[in-house]
Each structure stands twice: as C-alpha cells, then as structure tokens.
Amino acid sequence: MKARKDYVRLSRTGKRFFFDGFIAQAVPVNDRIGMVGITVTKKLGGSVDRHRAKRRLREVIRLWKKENSVPITYDVVLVARSKIFDLDFKNLQMQWAEMLGRLEKNQDWTHETINR
C-alpha cells in the first residue's frame, strides 16, 4: 500500500485488532487481492527505531507469504507499537497469524465491503 488515501480509508472505516506488537486496521475487499501497509509514528522513537520496526513487520509478512499460497482478502494496515522491540520474532509471527485468524472468523463487519 503506498497511497495516503488508502491509509486514511482504513483508518476511518477499518475494524481494529489490538496486539502487543501492532494494531491492525482491516477492511474486506471483493474484487482483488488485499494490500498490506505498515506505518510507524514518531512516538516509537528515532528513525533507526522506526525503520527497525518496519523491517520486523515486513519480514513477518514476507515469511507468511512464502509459506502460504492463499492470498489475503483484506486491506490491512499495521501500526507498530512500542512493545514490538520487546517481543521475540516468533511471538510477532504468532500475533500476525492470530490476526489473520480473527479476520477470517469475524463476520460482523459493521460497514459494507469497500471496493477500490
């Protein structure tokens, strides 16, 4: 995800899921493969810390895509939290998997599916 409008759309309409390492905002999509975006605020620290958080989240997603051929059917924005540095990598991967499981189980979307 690269356009700011996509991040803003998810911020306004997405369902939020809270984890120790990140907050996920998600919206289901119908006609295409979902996109994943990562954002890190300056509250997390300096540029070195922010880039480290992004790299950790990108690697979690990359490894998941490598192991799974099923595409994501949601647009997802991951917002890094300060505890991301305290978690070991396996725990971060488990949180990503749990988030995907919650997305699939969650059928009570309060808004209509947004198509792009």
PDB file of N, CA and C in Angstrom:
ATOM      1  N   MET A   1       0.852  -1.150   0.000  1.00  0.00           N
ATOM      2  CA  MET A   1       0.000   0.000   0.000  1.00  0.00           C
ATOM      3  C   MET A   1       0.908   1.225   0.000  1.00  0.00           C
ATOM      4  N   LYS A   2       0.656   2.141  -0.917  1.00  0.00           N
ATOM      5  CA  LYS A   2       1.539   3.305  -0.996  1.00  0.00           C
ATOM      6  C   LYS A   2       0.801   4.631  -0.897  1.00  0.00           C
ATOM      7  N   ALA A   3      -0.436   4.681  -1.338  1.00  0.00           N
ATOM      8  CA  ALA A   3      -1.158   5.949  -1.366  1.00  0.00           C
ATOM      9  C   ALA A   3      -1.717   6.302   0.010  1.00  0.00           C
ATOM     10  N   ARG A   4      -1.594   7.546   0.378  1.00  0.00           N
ATOM     11  CA  ARG A   4      -2.096   8.018   1.665  1.00  0.00           C
ATOM     12  C   ARG A   4      -3.598   7.810   1.781  1.00  0.00           C
ATOM     13  N   LYS A   5      -4.311   7.950   0.676  1.00  0.00           N
ATOM     14  CA  LYS A   5      -5.766   7.795   0.705  1.00  0.00           C
ATOM     15  C   LYS A   5      -6.169   6.396   1.172  1.00  0.00           C
ATOM     16  N   ASP A   6      -5.364   5.377   0.850  1.00  0.00           N
ATOM     17  CA  ASP A   6      -5.659   4.016   1.314  1.00  0.00           C
ATOM     18  C   ASP A   6      -5.497   3.903   2.830  1.00  0.00           C
ATOM     19  N   TYR A   7      -4.465   4.532   3.368  1.00  0.00           N
ATOM     20  CA  TYR A   7      -4.254   4.519   4.812  1.00  0.00           C
ATOM     21  C   TYR A   7      -5.382   5.255   5.529  1.00  0.00           C
ATOM     22  N   VAL A   8      -5.783   6.390   4.983  1.00  0.00           N
ATOM     23  CA  VAL A   8      -6.853   7.180   5.595  1.00  0.00           C
ATOM     24  C   VAL A   8      -8.170   6.415   5.537  1.00  0.00           C
ATOM     25  N   ARG A   9      -8.442   5.763   4.414  1.00  0.00           N
ATOM     26  CA  ARG A   9      -9.671   4.969   4.261  1.00  0.00           C
ATOM     27  C   ARG A   9      -9.735   3.878   5.321  1.00  0.00           C
ATOM     28  N   LEU A  10      -8.646   3.185   5.515  1.00  0.00           N
ATOM     29  CA  LEU A  10      -8.626   2.124   6.527  1.00  0.00           C
ATOM     30  C   LEU A  10      -8.722   2.689   7.937  1.00  0.00           C
ATOM     31  N   SER A  11      -8.119   3.826   8.153  1.00  0.00           N
ATOM     32  CA  SER A  11      -8.183   4.450   9.471  1.00  0.00           C
ATOM     33  C   SER A  11      -9.616   4.817   9.833  1.00  0.00           C
ATOM     34  N   ARG A  12     -10.379   5.264   8.858  1.00  0.00           N
ATOM     35  CA  ARG A  12     -11.755   5.690   9.112  1.00  0.00           C
ATOM     36  C   ARG A  12     -12.749   4.539   9.143  1.00  0.00           C
ATOM     37  N   THR A  13     -12.567   3.567   8.262  1.00  0.00           N
ATOM     38  CA  THR A  13     -13.594   2.538   8.112  1.00  0.00           C
ATOM     39  C   THR A  13     -13.168   1.158   8.588  1.00  0.00           C
ATOM     40  N   GLY A  14     -11.900   0.968   8.852  1.00  0.00           N
ATOM     41  CA  GLY A  14     -11.405  -0.364   9.180  1.00  0.00           C
ATOM     42  C   GLY A  14     -11.742  -0.809  10.586  1.00  0.00           C
ATOM     43  N   LYS A  15     -11.852  -2.104  10.733  1.00  0.00           N
ATOM     44  CA  LYS A  15     -12.031  -2.709  12.047  1.00  0.00           C
ATOM     45  C   LYS A  15     -10.647  -2.868  12.665  1.00  0.00           C
ATOM     46  N   ARG A  16     -10.527  -2.565  13.941  1.00  0.00           N
ATOM     47  CA  ARG A  16      -9.231  -2.588  14.612  1.00  0.00           C
ATOM     48  C   ARG A  16      -9.070  -3.859  15.459  1.00  0.00           C
ATOM     49  N   PHE A  17      -7.856  -4.378  15.400  1.00  0.00           N
ATOM     50  CA  PHE A  17      -7.466  -5.527  16.201  1.00  0.00           C
ATOM     51  C   PHE A  17      -6.180  -5.149  16.931  1.00  0.00           C
ATOM     52  N   PHE A  18      -6.166  -5.307  18.259  1.00  0.00           N
ATOM     53  CA  PHE A  18      -5.038  -4.860  19.067  1.00  0.00           C
ATOM     54  C   PHE A  18      -4.192  -6.048  19.517  1.00  0.00           C
ATOM     55  N   PHE A  19      -2.886  -5.906  19.331  1.00  0.00           N
ATOM     56  CA  PHE A  19      -1.920  -6.911  19.755  1.00  0.00           C
ATOM     57  C   PHE A  19      -0.775  -6.195  20.466  1.00  0.00           C
ATOM     58  N   ASP A  20       0.114  -6.951  21.091  1.00  0.00           N
ATOM     59  CA  ASP A  20       1.241  -6.341  21.794  1.00  0.00           C
ATOM     60  C   ASP A  20       2.170  -5.598  20.844  1.00  0.00           C
ATOM     61  N   GLY A  21       2.454  -6.187  19.698  1.00  0.00           N
ATOM     62  CA  GLY A  21       3.433  -5.611  18.778  1.00  0.00           C
ATOM     63  C   GLY A  21       2.876  -4.616  17.777  1.00  0.00           C
ATOM     64  N   PHE A  22       1.578  -4.698  17.498  1.00  0.00           N
ATOM     65  CA  PHE A  22       0.997  -3.819  16.490  1.00  0.00           C
ATOM     66  C   PHE A  22      -0.509  -3.720  16.657  1.00  0.00           C
ATOM     67  N   ILE A  23      -1.061  -2.724  16.003  1.00  0.00           N
ATOM     68  CA  ILE A  23      -2.509  -2.593  15.859  1.00  0.00           C
ATOM     69  C   ILE A  23      -2.797  -2.827  14.389  1.00  0.00           C
ATOM     70  N   ALA A  24      -3.777  -3.649  14.096  1.00  0.00           N
ATOM     71  CA  ALA A  24      -4.154  -3.917  12.707  1.00  0.00           C
ATOM     72  C   ALA A  24      -5.499  -3.252  12.424  1.00  0.00           C
ATOM     73  N   GLN A  25      -5.583  -2.570  11.290  1.00  0.00           N
ATOM     74  CA  GLN A  25      -6.836  -1.999  10.811  1.00  0.00           C
ATOM     75  C   GLN A  25      -7.129  -2.705   9.497  1.00  0.00           C
ATOM     76  N   ALA A  26      -8.329  -3.268   9.367  1.00  0.00           N
ATOM     77  CA  ALA A  26      -8.621  -4.089   8.192  1.00  0.00           C
ATOM     78  C   ALA A  26      -9.999  -3.809   7.629  1.00  0.00           C
ATOM     79  N   VAL A  27     -10.092  -3.961   6.304  1.00  0.00           N
ATOM     80  CA  VAL A  27     -11.348  -3.834   5.575  1.00  0.00           C
ATOM     81  C   VAL A  27     -11.370  -4.957   4.537  1.00  0.00           C
ATOM     82  N   PRO A  28     -12.471  -5.691   4.415  1.00  0.00           N
ATOM     83  CA  PRO A  28     -12.534  -6.746   3.399  1.00  0.00           C
ATOM     84  C   PRO A  28     -12.641  -6.160   1.991  1.00  0.00           C
ATOM     85  N   VAL A  29     -12.093  -6.875   1.020  1.00  0.00           N
ATOM     86  CA  VAL A  29     -12.203  -6.493  -0.388  1.00  0.00           C
ATOM     87  C   VAL A  29     -12.748  -7.682  -1.170  1.00  0.00           C
ATOM     88  N   ASN A  30     -13.431  -7.404  -2.270  1.00  0.00           N
ATOM     89  CA  ASN A  30     -14.047  -8.470  -3.057  1.00  0.00           C
ATOM     90  C   ASN A  30     -13.332  -8.764  -4.361  1.00  0.00           C
ATOM     91  N   ASP A  31     -13.011  -7.746  -5.104  1.00  0.00           N
ATOM     92  CA  ASP A  31     -12.627  -7.926  -6.494  1.00  0.00           C
ATOM     93  C   ASP A  31     -11.125  -7.968  -6.759  1.00  0.00           C
ATOM     94  N   ARG A  32     -10.322  -8.042  -5.723  1.00  0.00           N
ATOM     95  CA  ARG A  32      -8.875  -8.041  -5.920  1.00  0.00           C
ATOM     96  C   ARG A  32      -8.192  -8.662  -4.706  1.00  0.00           C
ATOM     97  N   ILE A  33      -6.899  -8.850  -4.824  1.00  0.00           N
ATOM     98  CA  ILE A  33      -6.102  -9.329  -3.702  1.00  0.00           C
ATOM     99  C   ILE A  33      -5.874  -8.161  -2.754  1.00  0.00           C
ATOM    100  N   GLY A  34      -5.944  -8.422  -1.478  1.00  0.00           N
ATOM    101  CA  GLY A  34      -5.771  -7.378  -0.479  1.00  0.00           C
ATOM    102  C   GLY A  34      -4.352  -6.835  -0.423  1.00  0.00           C
ATOM    103  N   MET A  35      -4.237  -5.640   0.121  1.00  0.00           N
ATOM    104  CA  MET A  35      -2.947  -4.974   0.270  1.00  0.00           C
ATOM    105  C   MET A  35      -2.610  -4.873   1.751  1.00  0.00           C
ATOM    106  N   VAL A  36      -1.317  -4.822   2.035  1.00  0.00           N
ATOM    107  CA  VAL A  36      -0.856  -4.651   3.409  1.00  0.00           C
ATOM    108  C   VAL A  36       0.038  -3.421   3.452  1.00  0.00           C
ATOM    109  N   GLY A  37      -0.234  -2.550   4.415  1.00  0.00           N
ATOM    110  CA  GLY A  37       0.588  -1.364   4.612  1.00  0.00           C
ATOM    111  C   GLY A  37       1.119  -1.350   6.035  1.00  0.00           C
ATOM    112  N   ILE A  38       2.237  -0.671   6.218  1.00  0.00           N
ATOM    113  CA  ILE A  38       2.858  -0.575   7.538  1.00  0.00           C
ATOM    114  C   ILE A  38       3.097   0.900   7.830  1.00  0.00           C
ATOM    115  N   THR A  39       2.755   1.307   9.033  1.00  0.00           N
ATOM    116  CA  THR A  39       3.017   2.678   9.438  1.00  0.00           C
ATOM    117  C   THR A  39       3.598   2.684  10.847  1.00  0.00           C
ATOM    118  N   VAL A  40       4.490   3.644  11.070  1.00  0.00           N
ATOM    119  CA  VAL A  40       5.144   3.779  12.364  1.00  0.00           C
ATOM    120  C   VAL A  40       5.179   5.269  12.694  1.00  0.00           C
ATOM    121  N   THR A  41       4.711   5.627  13.875  1.00  0.00           N
ATOM    122  CA  THR A  41       4.699   7.031  14.264  1.00  0.00           C
ATOM    123  C   THR A  41       6.007   7.420  14.935  1.00  0.00           C
ATOM    124  N   LYS A  42       6.238   8.714  15.032  1.00  0.00           N
ATOM    125  CA  LYS A  42       7.455   9.207  15.680  1.00  0.00           C
ATOM    126  C   LYS A  42       7.462   8.937  17.172  1.00  0.00           C
ATOM    127  N   LYS A  43       6.308   8.610  17.737  1.00  0.00           N
ATOM    128  CA  LYS A  43       6.242   8.275  19.157  1.00  0.00           C
ATOM    129  C   LYS A  43       7.081   7.035  19.471  1.00  0.00           C
ATOM    130  N   LEU A  44       7.302   6.216  18.457  1.00  0.00           N
ATOM    131  CA  LEU A  44       8.040   4.968  18.644  1.00  0.00           C
ATOM    132  C   LEU A  44       9.528   5.221  18.877  1.00  0.00           C
ATOM    133  N   GLY A  45      10.036   6.315  18.351  1.00  0.00           N
ATOM    134  CA  GLY A  45      11.447   6.627  18.539  1.00  0.00           C
ATOM    135  C   GLY A  45      12.020   7.318  17.323  1.00  0.00           C
ATOM    136  N   GLY A  46      13.333   7.317  17.265  1.00  0.00           N
ATOM    137  CA  GLY A  46      14.031   7.938  16.149  1.00  0.00           C
ATOM    138  C   GLY A  46      13.914   7.111  14.882  1.00  0.00           C
ATOM    139  N   SER A  47      14.542   7.592  13.832  1.00  0.00           N
ATOM    140  CA  SER A  47      14.408   6.923  12.539  1.00  0.00           C
ATOM    141  C   SER A  47      14.961   5.498  12.559  1.00  0.00           C
ATOM    142  N   VAL A  48      16.005   5.274  13.324  1.00  0.00           N
ATOM    143  CA  VAL A  48      16.580   3.925  13.401  1.00  0.00           C
ATOM    144  C   VAL A  48      15.559   2.958  14.001  1.00  0.00           C
ATOM    145  N   ASP A  49      14.907   3.361  15.069  1.00  0.00           N
ATOM    146  CA  ASP A  49      13.898   2.512  15.700  1.00  0.00           C
ATOM    147  C   ASP A  49      12.694   2.311  14.790  1.00  0.00           C
ATOM    148  N   ARG A  50      12.262   3.376  14.139  1.00  0.00           N
ATOM    149  CA  ARG A  50      11.094   3.260  13.252  1.00  0.00           C
ATOM    150  C   ARG A  50      11.385   2.311  12.088  1.00  0.00           C
ATOM    151  N   HIS A  51      12.557   2.421  11.501  1.00  0.00           N
ATOM    152  CA  HIS A  51      12.914   1.522  10.390  1.00  0.00           C
ATOM    153  C   HIS A  51      13.069   0.082  10.871  1.00  0.00           C
ATOM    154  N   ARG A  52      13.586  -0.090  12.067  1.00  0.00           N
ATOM    155  CA  ARG A  52      13.716  -1.445  12.627  1.00  0.00           C
ATOM    156  C   ARG A  52      12.337  -2.080  12.807  1.00  0.00           C
ATOM    157  N   ALA A  53      11.372  -1.301  13.300  1.00  0.00           N
ATOM    158  CA  ALA A  53      10.007  -1.814  13.475  1.00  0.00           C
ATOM    159  C   ALA A  53       9.403  -2.190  12.125  1.00  0.00           C
ATOM    160  N   LYS A  54       9.591  -1.356  11.117  1.00  0.00           N
ATOM    161  CA  LYS A  54       9.066  -1.660   9.779  1.00  0.00           C
ATOM    162  C   LYS A  54       9.698  -2.922   9.215  1.00  0.00           C
ATOM    163  N   ARG A  55      11.005  -3.058   9.381  1.00  0.00           N
ATOM    164  CA  ARG A  55      11.687  -4.252   8.868  1.00  0.00           C
ATOM    165  C   ARG A  55      11.162  -5.516   9.524  1.00  0.00           C
ATOM    166  N   ARG A  56      10.917  -5.458  10.827  1.00  0.00           N
ATOM    167  CA  ARG A  56      10.393  -6.635  11.534  1.00  0.00           C
ATOM    168  C   ARG A  56       9.019  -7.020  10.986  1.00  0.00           C
ATOM    169  N   LEU A  57       8.142  -6.044  10.812  1.00  0.00           N
ATOM    170  CA  LEU A  57       6.801  -6.336  10.304  1.00  0.00           C
ATOM    171  C   LEU A  57       6.853  -6.820   8.859  1.00  0.00           C
ATOM    172  N   ARG A  58       7.700  -6.205   8.033  1.00  0.00           N
ATOM    173  CA  ARG A  58       7.832  -6.655   6.643  1.00  0.00           C
ATOM    174  C   ARG A  58       8.304  -8.107   6.565  1.00  0.00           C
ATOM    175  N   GLU A  59       9.231  -8.465   7.441  1.00  0.00           N
ATOM    176  CA  GLU A  59       9.756  -9.832   7.427  1.00  0.00           C
ATOM    177  C   GLU A  59       8.691 -10.836   7.863  1.00  0.00           C
ATOM    178  N   VAL A  60       7.877 -10.484   8.829  1.00  0.00           N
ATOM    179  CA  VAL A  60       6.777 -11.356   9.247  1.00  0.00           C
ATOM    180  C   VAL A  60       5.853 -11.616   8.059  1.00  0.00           C
ATOM    181  N   ILE A  61       5.508 -10.566   7.337  1.00  0.00           N
ATOM    182  CA  ILE A  61       4.610 -10.706   6.184  1.00  0.00           C
ATOM    183  C   ILE A  61       5.279 -11.513   5.077  1.00  0.00           C
ATOM    184  N   ARG A  62       6.553 -11.242   4.818  1.00  0.00           N
ATOM    185  CA  ARG A  62       7.270 -11.959   3.762  1.00  0.00           C
ATOM    186  C   ARG A  62       7.326 -13.459   4.046  1.00  0.00           C
ATOM    187  N   LEU A  63       7.643 -13.826   5.281  1.00  0.00           N
ATOM    188  CA  LEU A  63       7.715 -15.246   5.630  1.00  0.00           C
ATOM    189  C   LEU A  63       6.348 -15.902   5.558  1.00  0.00           C
ATOM    190  N   TRP A  64       5.301 -15.178   5.953  1.00  0.00           N
ATOM    191  CA  TRP A  64       3.951 -15.735   5.870  1.00  0.00           C
ATOM    192  C   TRP A  64       3.577 -15.991   4.413  1.00  0.00           C
ATOM    193  N   LYS A  65       3.876 -15.030   3.529  1.00  0.00           N
ATOM    194  CA  LYS A  65       3.563 -15.202   2.103  1.00  0.00           C
ATOM    195  C   LYS A  65       4.339 -16.371   1.511  1.00  0.00           C
ATOM    196  N   LYS A  66       5.563 -16.570   1.971  1.00  0.00           N
ATOM    197  CA  LYS A  66       6.397 -17.661   1.470  1.00  0.00           C
ATOM    198  C   LYS A  66       5.791 -19.021   1.825  1.00  0.00           C
ATOM    199  N   GLU A  67       5.194 -19.139   3.008  1.00  0.00           N
ATOM    200  CA  GLU A  67       4.631 -20.395   3.477  1.00  0.00           C
ATOM    201  C   GLU A  67       3.197 -20.627   3.024  1.00  0.00           C
ATOM    202  N   ASN A  68       2.466 -19.567   2.692  1.00  0.00           N
ATOM    203  CA  ASN A  68       1.047 -19.693   2.361  1.00  0.00           C
ATOM    204  C   ASN A  68       0.777 -19.185   0.950  1.00  0.00           C
ATOM    205  N   SER A  69       0.037 -19.975   0.199  1.00  0.00           N
ATOM    206  CA  SER A  69      -0.302 -19.555  -1.156  1.00  0.00           C
ATOM    207  C   SER A  69      -1.668 -18.871  -1.211  1.00  0.00           C
ATOM    208  N   VAL A  70      -2.386 -18.864  -0.094  1.00  0.00           N
ATOM    209  CA  VAL A  70      -3.701 -18.233  -0.042  1.00  0.00           C
ATOM    210  C   VAL A  70      -3.519 -16.721   0.058  1.00  0.00           C
ATOM    211  N   PRO A  71      -4.083 -15.960  -0.884  1.00  0.00           N
ATOM    212  CA  PRO A  71      -3.923 -14.504  -0.805  1.00  0.00           C
ATOM    213  C   PRO A  71      -4.796 -13.895   0.292  1.00  0.00           C
ATOM    214  N   ILE A  72      -4.389 -12.739   0.762  1.00  0.00           N
ATOM    215  CA  ILE A  72      -5.159 -12.006   1.755  1.00  0.00           C
ATOM    216  C   ILE A  72      -6.347 -11.358   1.054  1.00  0.00           C
ATOM    217  N   THR A  73      -7.529 -11.486   1.628  1.00  0.00           N
ATOM    218  CA  THR A  73      -8.733 -10.898   1.035  1.00  0.00           C
ATOM    219  C   THR A  73      -9.155  -9.639   1.781  1.00  0.00           C
ATOM    220  N   TYR A  74      -8.198  -8.997   2.415  1.00  0.00           N
ATOM    221  CA  TYR A  74      -8.451  -7.776   3.183  1.00  0.00           C
ATOM    222  C   TYR A  74      -7.366  -6.762   2.876  1.00  0.00           C
ATOM    223  N   ASP A  75      -7.722  -5.496   2.982  1.00  0.00           N
ATOM    224  CA  ASP A  75      -6.711  -4.453   3.036  1.00  0.00           C
ATOM    225  C   ASP A  75      -6.379  -4.289   4.516  1.00  0.00           C
ATOM    226  N   VAL A  76      -5.106  -4.314   4.824  1.00  0.00           N
ATOM    227  CA  VAL A  76      -4.668  -4.278   6.220  1.00  0.00           C
ATOM    228  C   VAL A  76      -3.578  -3.223   6.381  1.00  0.00           C
ATOM    229  N   VAL A  77      -3.689  -2.420   7.423  1.00  0.00           N
ATOM    230  CA  VAL A  77      -2.619  -1.508   7.821  1.00  0.00           C
ATOM    231  C   VAL A  77      -2.164  -1.936   9.209  1.00  0.00           C
ATOM    232  N   LEU A  78      -0.858  -2.129   9.342  1.00  0.00           N
ATOM    233  CA  LEU A  78      -0.267  -2.473  10.623  1.00  0.00           C
ATOM    234  C   LEU A  78       0.389  -1.221  11.199  1.00  0.00           C
ATOM    235  N   VAL A  79       0.017  -0.884  12.408  1.00  0.00           N
ATOM    236  CA  VAL A  79       0.591   0.263  13.107  1.00  0.00           C
ATOM    237  C   VAL A  79       1.465  -0.303  14.219  1.00  0.00           C
ATOM    238  N   ALA A  80       2.753  -0.082  14.120  1.00  0.00           N
ATOM    239  CA  ALA A  80       3.694  -0.637  15.103  1.00  0.00           C
ATOM    240  C   ALA A  80       3.498   0.016  16.469  1.00  0.00           C
ATOM    241  N   ARG A  81       3.626  -0.806  17.502  1.00  0.00           N
ATOM    242  CA  ARG A  81       3.547  -0.316  18.885  1.00  0.00           C
ATOM    243  C   ARG A  81       4.927  -0.442  19.527  1.00  0.00           C
ATOM    244  N   SER A  82       5.121   0.258  20.612  1.00  0.00           N
ATOM    245  CA  SER A  82       6.445   0.300  21.246  1.00  0.00           C
ATOM    246  C   SER A  82       6.900  -1.068  21.761  1.00  0.00           C
ATOM    247  N   LYS A  83       5.971  -1.945  22.078  1.00  0.00           N
ATOM    248  CA  LYS A  83       6.352  -3.276  22.590  1.00  0.00           C
ATOM    249  C   LYS A  83       6.913  -4.189  21.501  1.00  0.00           C
ATOM    250  N   ILE A  84       6.901  -3.738  20.255  1.00  0.00           N
ATOM    251  CA  ILE A  84       7.397  -4.567  19.159  1.00  0.00           C
ATOM    252  C   ILE A  84       8.866  -4.933  19.359  1.00  0.00           C
ATOM    253  N   PHE A  85       9.610  -4.074  20.053  1.00  0.00           N
ATOM    254  CA  PHE A  85      11.035  -4.339  20.282  1.00  0.00           C
ATOM    255  C   PHE A  85      11.259  -5.338  21.408  1.00  0.00           C
ATOM    256  N   ASP A  86      10.279  -5.490  22.284  1.00  0.00           N
ATOM    257  CA  ASP A  86      10.406  -6.423  23.407  1.00  0.00           C
ATOM    258  C   ASP A  86      10.026  -7.853  23.030  1.00  0.00           C
ATOM    259  N   LEU A  87       9.308  -8.016  21.933  1.00  0.00           N
ATOM    260  CA  LEU A  87       8.833  -9.336  21.517  1.00  0.00           C
ATOM    261  C   LEU A  87       9.893 -10.071  20.717  1.00  0.00           C
ATOM    262  N   ASP A  88       9.981 -11.379  20.934  1.00  0.00           N
ATOM    263  CA  ASP A  88      10.837 -12.144  20.047  1.00  0.00           C
ATOM    264  C   ASP A  88      10.094 -12.345  18.722  1.00  0.00           C
ATOM    265  N   PHE A  89      10.833 -12.715  17.700  1.00  0.00           N
ATOM    266  CA  PHE A  89      10.278 -12.758  16.354  1.00  0.00           C
ATOM    267  C   PHE A  89       9.168 -13.805  16.222  1.00  0.00           C
ATOM    268  N   LYS A  90       9.312 -14.934  16.868  1.00  0.00           N
ATOM    269  CA  LYS A  90       8.279 -15.983  16.812  1.00  0.00           C
ATOM    270  C   LYS A  90       6.960 -15.490  17.387  1.00  0.00           C
ATOM    271  N   ASN A  91       7.031 -14.730  18.470  1.00  0.00           N
ATOM    272  CA  ASN A  91       5.826 -14.177  19.081  1.00  0.00           C
ATOM    273  C   ASN A  91       5.148 -13.197  18.127  1.00  0.00           C
ATOM    274  N   LEU A  92       5.949 -12.403  17.434  1.00  0.00           N
ATOM    275  CA  LEU A  92       5.402 -11.466  16.455  1.00  0.00           C
ATOM    276  C   LEU A  92       4.721 -12.217  15.308  1.00  0.00           C
ATOM    277  N   GLN A  93       5.319 -13.306  14.872  1.00  0.00           N
ATOM    278  CA  GLN A  93       4.707 -14.127  13.825  1.00  0.00           C
ATOM    279  C   GLN A  93       3.388 -14.735  14.307  1.00  0.00           C
ATOM    280  N   MET A  94       3.340 -15.171  15.558  1.00  0.00           N
ATOM    281  CA  MET A  94       2.101 -15.740  16.106  1.00  0.00           C
ATOM    282  C   MET A  94       1.001 -14.679  16.169  1.00  0.00           C
ATOM    283  N   GLN A  95       1.361 -13.455  16.498  1.00  0.00           N
ATOM    284  CA  GLN A  95       0.368 -12.386  16.535  1.00  0.00           C
ATOM    285  C   GLN A  95      -0.185 -12.099  15.136  1.00  0.00           C
ATOM    286  N   TRP A  96       0.674 -12.135  14.126  1.00  0.00           N
ATOM    287  CA  TRP A  96       0.226 -11.949  12.735  1.00  0.00           C
ATOM    288  C   TRP A  96      -0.745 -13.069  12.356  1.00  0.00           C
ATOM    289  N   ALA A  97      -0.395 -14.301  12.678  1.00  0.00           N
ATOM    290  CA  ALA A  97      -1.268 -15.433  12.358  1.00  0.00           C
ATOM    291  C   ALA A  97      -2.595 -15.335  13.106  1.00  0.00           C
ATOM    292  N   GLU A  98      -2.544 -14.913  14.357  1.00  0.00           N
ATOM    293  CA  GLU A  98      -3.773 -14.747  15.133  1.00  0.00           C
ATOM    294  C   GLU A  98      -4.654 -13.657  14.521  1.00  0.00           C
ATOM    295  N   MET A  99      -4.036 -12.588  14.059  1.00  0.00           N
ATOM    296  CA  MET A  99      -4.790 -11.508  13.427  1.00  0.00           C
ATOM    297  C   MET A  99      -5.493 -12.008  12.170  1.00  0.00           C
ATOM    298  N   LEU A 100      -4.802 -12.796  11.355  1.00  0.00           N
ATOM    299  CA  LEU A 100      -5.422 -13.347  10.144  1.00  0.00           C
ATOM    300  C   LEU A 100      -6.570 -14.287  10.508  1.00  0.00           C
ATOM    301  N   GLY A 101      -6.392 -15.068  11.555  1.00  0.00           N
ATOM    302  CA  GLY A 101      -7.462 -15.950  12.015  1.00  0.00           C
ATOM    303  C   GLY A 101      -8.681 -15.162  12.476  1.00  0.00           C
ATOM    304  N   ARG A 102      -8.447 -14.079  13.196  1.00  0.00           N
ATOM    305  CA  ARG A 102      -9.567 -13.240  13.642  1.00  0.00           C
ATOM    306  C   ARG A 102     -10.289 -12.619  12.454  1.00  0.00           C
ATOM    307  N   LEU A 103      -9.542 -12.229  11.429  1.00  0.00           N
ATOM    308  CA  LEU A 103     -10.174 -11.655  10.240  1.00  0.00           C
ATOM    309  C   LEU A 103     -11.110 -12.662   9.582  1.00  0.00           C
ATOM    310  N   GLU A 104     -10.646 -13.896   9.472  1.00  0.00           N
ATOM    311  CA  GLU A 104     -11.462 -14.918   8.819  1.00  0.00           C
ATOM    312  C   GLU A 104     -12.691 -15.283   9.659  1.00  0.00           C
ATOM    313  N   LYS A 105     -12.555 -15.267  10.971  1.00  0.00           N
ATOM    314  CA  LYS A 105     -13.677 -15.617  11.846  1.00  0.00           C
ATOM    315  C   LYS A 105     -14.686 -14.492  11.991  1.00  0.00           C
ATOM    316  N   ASN A 106     -14.233 -13.252  11.837  1.00  0.00           N
ATOM    317  CA  ASN A 106     -15.058 -12.091  12.111  1.00  0.00           C
ATOM    318  C   ASN A 106     -16.017 -11.837  10.955  1.00  0.00           C
ATOM    319  N   GLN A 107     -17.275 -12.146  11.155  1.00  0.00           N
ATOM    320  CA  GLN A 107     -18.282 -11.982  10.105  1.00  0.00           C
ATOM    321  C   GLN A 107     -19.188 -10.785  10.349  1.00  0.00           C
ATOM    322  N   ASP A 108     -19.004 -10.079  11.438  1.00  0.00           N
ATOM    323  CA  ASP A 108     -19.912  -8.985  11.775  1.00  0.00           C
ATOM    324  C   ASP A 108     -19.334  -7.618  11.413  1.00  0.00           C
ATOM    325  N   TRP A 109     -18.966  -7.456  10.162  1.00  0.00           N
ATOM    326  CA  TRP A 109     -18.462  -6.164   9.706  1.00  0.00           C
ATOM    327  C   TRP A 109     -19.618  -5.175   9.743  1.00  0.00           C
ATOM    328  N   THR A 110     -19.419  -4.039  10.384  1.00  0.00           N
ATOM    329  CA  THR A 110     -20.479  -3.074  10.562  1.00  0.00           C
ATOM    330  C   THR A 110     -20.670  -2.161   9.363  1.00  0.00           C
ATOM    331  N   HIS A 111     -19.823  -2.282   8.383  1.00  0.00           N
ATOM    332  CA  HIS A 111     -19.951  -1.467   7.184  1.00  0.00           C
ATOM    333  C   HIS A 111     -19.936  -2.389   5.969  1.00  0.00           C
ATOM    334  N   GLU A 112     -20.315  -1.857   4.845  1.00  0.00           N
ATOM    335  CA  GLU A 112     -20.316  -2.667   3.634  1.00  0.00           C
ATOM    336  C   GLU A 112     -18.882  -2.864   3.150  1.00  0.00           C
ATOM    337  N   THR A 113     -18.682  -3.896   2.378  1.00  0.00           N
ATOM    338  CA  THR A 113     -17.373  -4.157   1.803  1.00  0.00           C
ATOM    339  C   THR A 113     -17.023  -3.018   0.853  1.00  0.00           C
ATOM    340  N   ILE A 114     -15.826  -2.512   0.989  1.00  0.00           N
ATOM    341  CA  ILE A 114     -15.408  -1.384   0.170  1.00  0.00           C
ATOM    342  C   ILE A 114     -14.578  -1.926  -0.982  1.00  0.00           C
ATOM    343  N   ASN A 115     -14.962  -1.583  -2.175  1.00  0.00           N
ATOM    344  CA  ASN A 115     -14.211  -1.961  -3.356  1.00  0.00           C
ATOM    345  C   ASN A 115     -13.398  -0.760  -3.818  1.00  0.00           C
ATOM    346  N   ARG A 116     -12.284  -1.028  -4.364  1.00  0.00           N
ATOM    347  CA  ARG A 116     -11.416   0.050  -4.816  1.00  0.00           C
ATOM    348  C   ARG A 116     -11.574   0.289  -6.275  1.00  0.00           C
TER     349      ARG A 116
END
